[in-house]
Amino acid sequence: MIIKRLDKYTLETADAIRKLLVQLSRSGKDRGEIPKEWFDELIDSPYHDMILALEDDKIIGIATVSIHMGPIVRKNVYLEDFVTDASVRGRGVGSAIWNEIIKWGQEKGCNNLEFTCGNGREVAQEFYKNHGAEIYDTNFFRKKL
């Protein structure tokens, strides 16, 4: 298994990521093609990255990380879209990606790793707890722009 950071766009990479995101989706629906421009912006930014797990040149896991800043929190990592392919779960792929997330945050000078995990995702929540994460008592809001 190879863990690396996304450094270039290809249609094949975009399609593989899209398929993993369908597995992550609660509805199991495909939200359509991810625009090349989104990948370009992510790759060009020093504040965002996508971590990939590959096996035999096939993407088997991903995580998107971003730097989140504020005068109180200072500088934290925000984790989004963390998923491994169902066929490799329980084989350490998630842990390998997790370790790279931690390394990325440390390289960026961040203090904490923050993320949400929906109700009904007990396996994921157990994974996070087993990797040292704690539930932070807060409410998460969203407003469509």
Protein backbone atom coordinates (compact mmCIF):
# COMPACT_ATOMS: atom_id res chain seq x y z
CA MET A 1 0.00 0.00 0.00
CA ILE A 2 1.17 3.49 -0.86
CA ILE A 3 -0.03 6.64 0.91
CA LYS A 4 0.46 9.85 -1.03
CA ARG A 5 -0.99 13.28 -1.56
CA LEU A 6 -2.89 14.08 -4.73
CA ASP A 7 -0.53 15.98 -7.01
CA LYS A 8 -2.17 15.86 -10.42
CA TYR A 9 -5.57 15.48 -12.02
CA THR A 10 -6.51 12.63 -14.29
CA LEU A 11 -9.97 11.56 -15.33
CA GLU A 12 -9.22 8.08 -13.96
CA THR A 13 -8.31 9.53 -10.56
CA ALA A 14 -11.45 11.66 -10.52
CA ASP A 15 -13.63 8.65 -11.38
CA ALA A 16 -12.02 6.49 -8.67
CA ILE A 17 -12.55 9.21 -6.06
CA ARG A 18 -16.14 9.66 -7.21
CA LYS A 19 -16.82 5.95 -6.72
CA LEU A 20 -15.43 6.07 -3.17
CA LEU A 21 -17.60 9.08 -2.36
CA VAL A 22 -20.68 7.09 -3.38
CA GLN A 23 -19.72 4.56 -0.67
CA LEU A 24 -19.43 7.41 1.84
CA SER A 25 -22.79 8.93 0.94
CA ARG A 26 -25.67 8.04 3.25
CA SER A 27 -28.00 7.87 0.25
CA GLY A 28 -25.58 5.85 -1.85
CA LYS A 29 -26.25 8.25 -4.70
CA ASP A 30 -23.67 9.44 -7.18
CA ARG A 31 -23.54 13.25 -7.10
CA GLY A 32 -22.02 13.40 -10.54
CA GLU A 33 -18.68 14.32 -11.97
CA ILE A 34 -16.29 16.28 -9.77
CA PRO A 35 -15.13 19.25 -11.85
CA LYS A 36 -11.48 19.36 -12.90
CA GLU A 37 -11.39 22.93 -11.57
CA TRP A 38 -12.10 21.65 -8.07
CA PHE A 39 -9.12 19.30 -8.27
CA ASP A 40 -6.90 22.05 -9.71
CA GLU A 41 -7.82 24.41 -6.87
CA LEU A 42 -7.17 21.72 -4.26
CA ILE A 43 -3.82 20.73 -5.77
CA ASP A 44 -2.64 24.35 -6.11
CA SER A 45 -3.60 25.36 -2.56
CA PRO A 46 -1.19 25.21 0.38
CA TYR A 47 -4.25 25.03 2.67
CA HIS A 48 -5.91 21.90 1.27
CA ASP A 49 -4.87 18.39 0.29
CA MET A 50 -6.31 15.05 -0.61
CA ILE A 51 -4.59 12.03 0.85
CA LEU A 52 -4.79 8.85 -1.21
CA ALA A 53 -4.22 5.21 -0.34
CA LEU A 54 -3.26 3.09 -3.36
CA GLU A 55 -2.85 -0.61 -3.85
CA ASP A 56 -1.71 -1.95 -7.21
CA ASP A 57 -2.20 1.59 -8.63
CA LYS A 58 -5.87 1.54 -7.54
CA ILE A 59 -7.20 4.20 -5.17
CA ILE A 60 -8.59 2.34 -2.15
CA GLY A 61 -9.04 5.24 0.27
CA ILE A 62 -9.13 9.02 0.46
CA ALA A 63 -9.33 11.89 2.91
CA THR A 64 -9.63 15.60 2.20
CA VAL A 65 -7.92 17.91 4.69
CA SER A 66 -8.00 21.68 5.03
CA ILE A 67 -6.54 24.26 7.36
CA HIS A 68 -9.19 26.00 9.45
CA MET A 69 -8.12 29.23 11.15
CA GLY A 70 -9.60 31.60 13.70
CA PRO A 71 -8.33 33.92 16.44
CA ILE A 72 -9.43 31.50 19.17
CA VAL A 73 -8.75 28.11 17.55
CA ARG A 74 -5.65 29.49 15.82
CA LYS A 75 -4.85 26.81 13.25
CA ASN A 76 -6.52 23.42 13.03
CA VAL A 77 -6.96 20.68 10.45
CA TYR A 78 -10.49 20.03 9.23
CA LEU A 79 -11.12 16.54 7.88
CA GLU A 80 -13.72 15.90 5.21
CA ASP A 81 -14.60 12.92 3.01
CA PHE A 82 -12.61 10.18 4.77
CA VAL A 83 -13.47 6.82 3.24
CA THR A 84 -11.89 3.49 2.40
CA ASP A 85 -13.21 1.05 -0.15
CA ALA A 86 -15.52 -1.53 1.42
CA SER A 87 -13.32 -4.33 0.05
CA VAL A 88 -10.30 -3.23 2.13
CA ARG A 89 -11.90 -2.21 5.42
CA GLY A 90 -10.28 -3.81 8.45
CA ARG A 91 -6.89 -4.11 6.71
CA GLY A 92 -5.25 -0.96 8.14
CA VAL A 93 -5.92 1.34 5.19
CA GLY A 94 -7.90 3.79 7.32
CA SER A 95 -5.18 3.81 9.97
CA ALA A 96 -2.50 4.52 7.34
CA ILE A 97 -4.53 7.45 5.98
CA TRP A 98 -5.21 8.66 9.54
CA ASN A 99 -1.47 8.69 10.29
CA GLU A 100 -0.86 10.75 7.16
CA ILE A 101 -3.61 13.19 8.19
CA ILE A 102 -1.86 13.67 11.55
CA LYS A 103 1.51 14.13 9.81
CA TRP A 104 -0.01 16.68 7.38
CA GLY A 105 -1.46 18.69 10.26
CA GLN A 106 1.81 18.66 12.16
CA GLU A 107 3.71 19.80 9.05
CA LYS A 108 1.27 22.70 8.70
CA GLY A 109 1.69 23.73 12.35
CA CYS A 110 -1.87 22.86 13.35
CA ASN A 111 -3.04 22.29 16.92
CA ASN A 112 -6.01 19.95 16.51
CA LEU A 113 -7.80 17.72 14.04
CA GLU A 114 -11.52 18.48 13.79
CA PHE A 115 -14.27 16.69 11.90
CA THR A 116 -17.86 15.57 12.09
CA CYS A 117 -19.19 12.05 12.05
CA GLY A 118 -22.88 11.51 11.52
CA ASN A 119 -25.27 9.60 13.74
CA GLY A 120 -25.58 5.99 12.69
CA ARG A 121 -21.90 5.69 11.79
CA GLU A 122 -20.92 3.67 14.84
CA VAL A 123 -18.08 1.81 13.12
CA ALA A 124 -16.48 5.09 12.03
CA GLN A 125 -17.00 6.60 15.48
CA GLU A 126 -15.31 3.61 17.10
CA PHE A 127 -12.40 3.96 14.66
CA TYR A 128 -11.96 7.61 15.65
CA LYS A 129 -12.10 6.84 19.36
CA ASN A 130 -9.59 4.01 18.93
CA HIS A 131 -7.27 6.51 17.23
CA GLY A 132 -7.41 9.02 20.09
CA ALA A 133 -10.21 11.33 18.98
CA GLU A 134 -12.74 12.56 21.51
CA ILE A 135 -16.30 13.78 21.02
CA TYR A 136 -16.39 17.56 21.33
CA ASP A 137 -19.68 18.89 22.66
CA THR A 138 -20.92 21.29 20.01
CA ASN A 139 -23.59 21.71 17.37
CA PHE A 140 -22.78 21.75 13.69
CA PHE A 141 -24.79 24.13 11.53
CA ARG A 142 -25.00 24.63 7.78
CA LYS A 143 -26.46 27.49 5.74
CA LYS A 144 -26.80 27.17 1.97
CA LEU A 145 -25.09 30.07 0.18
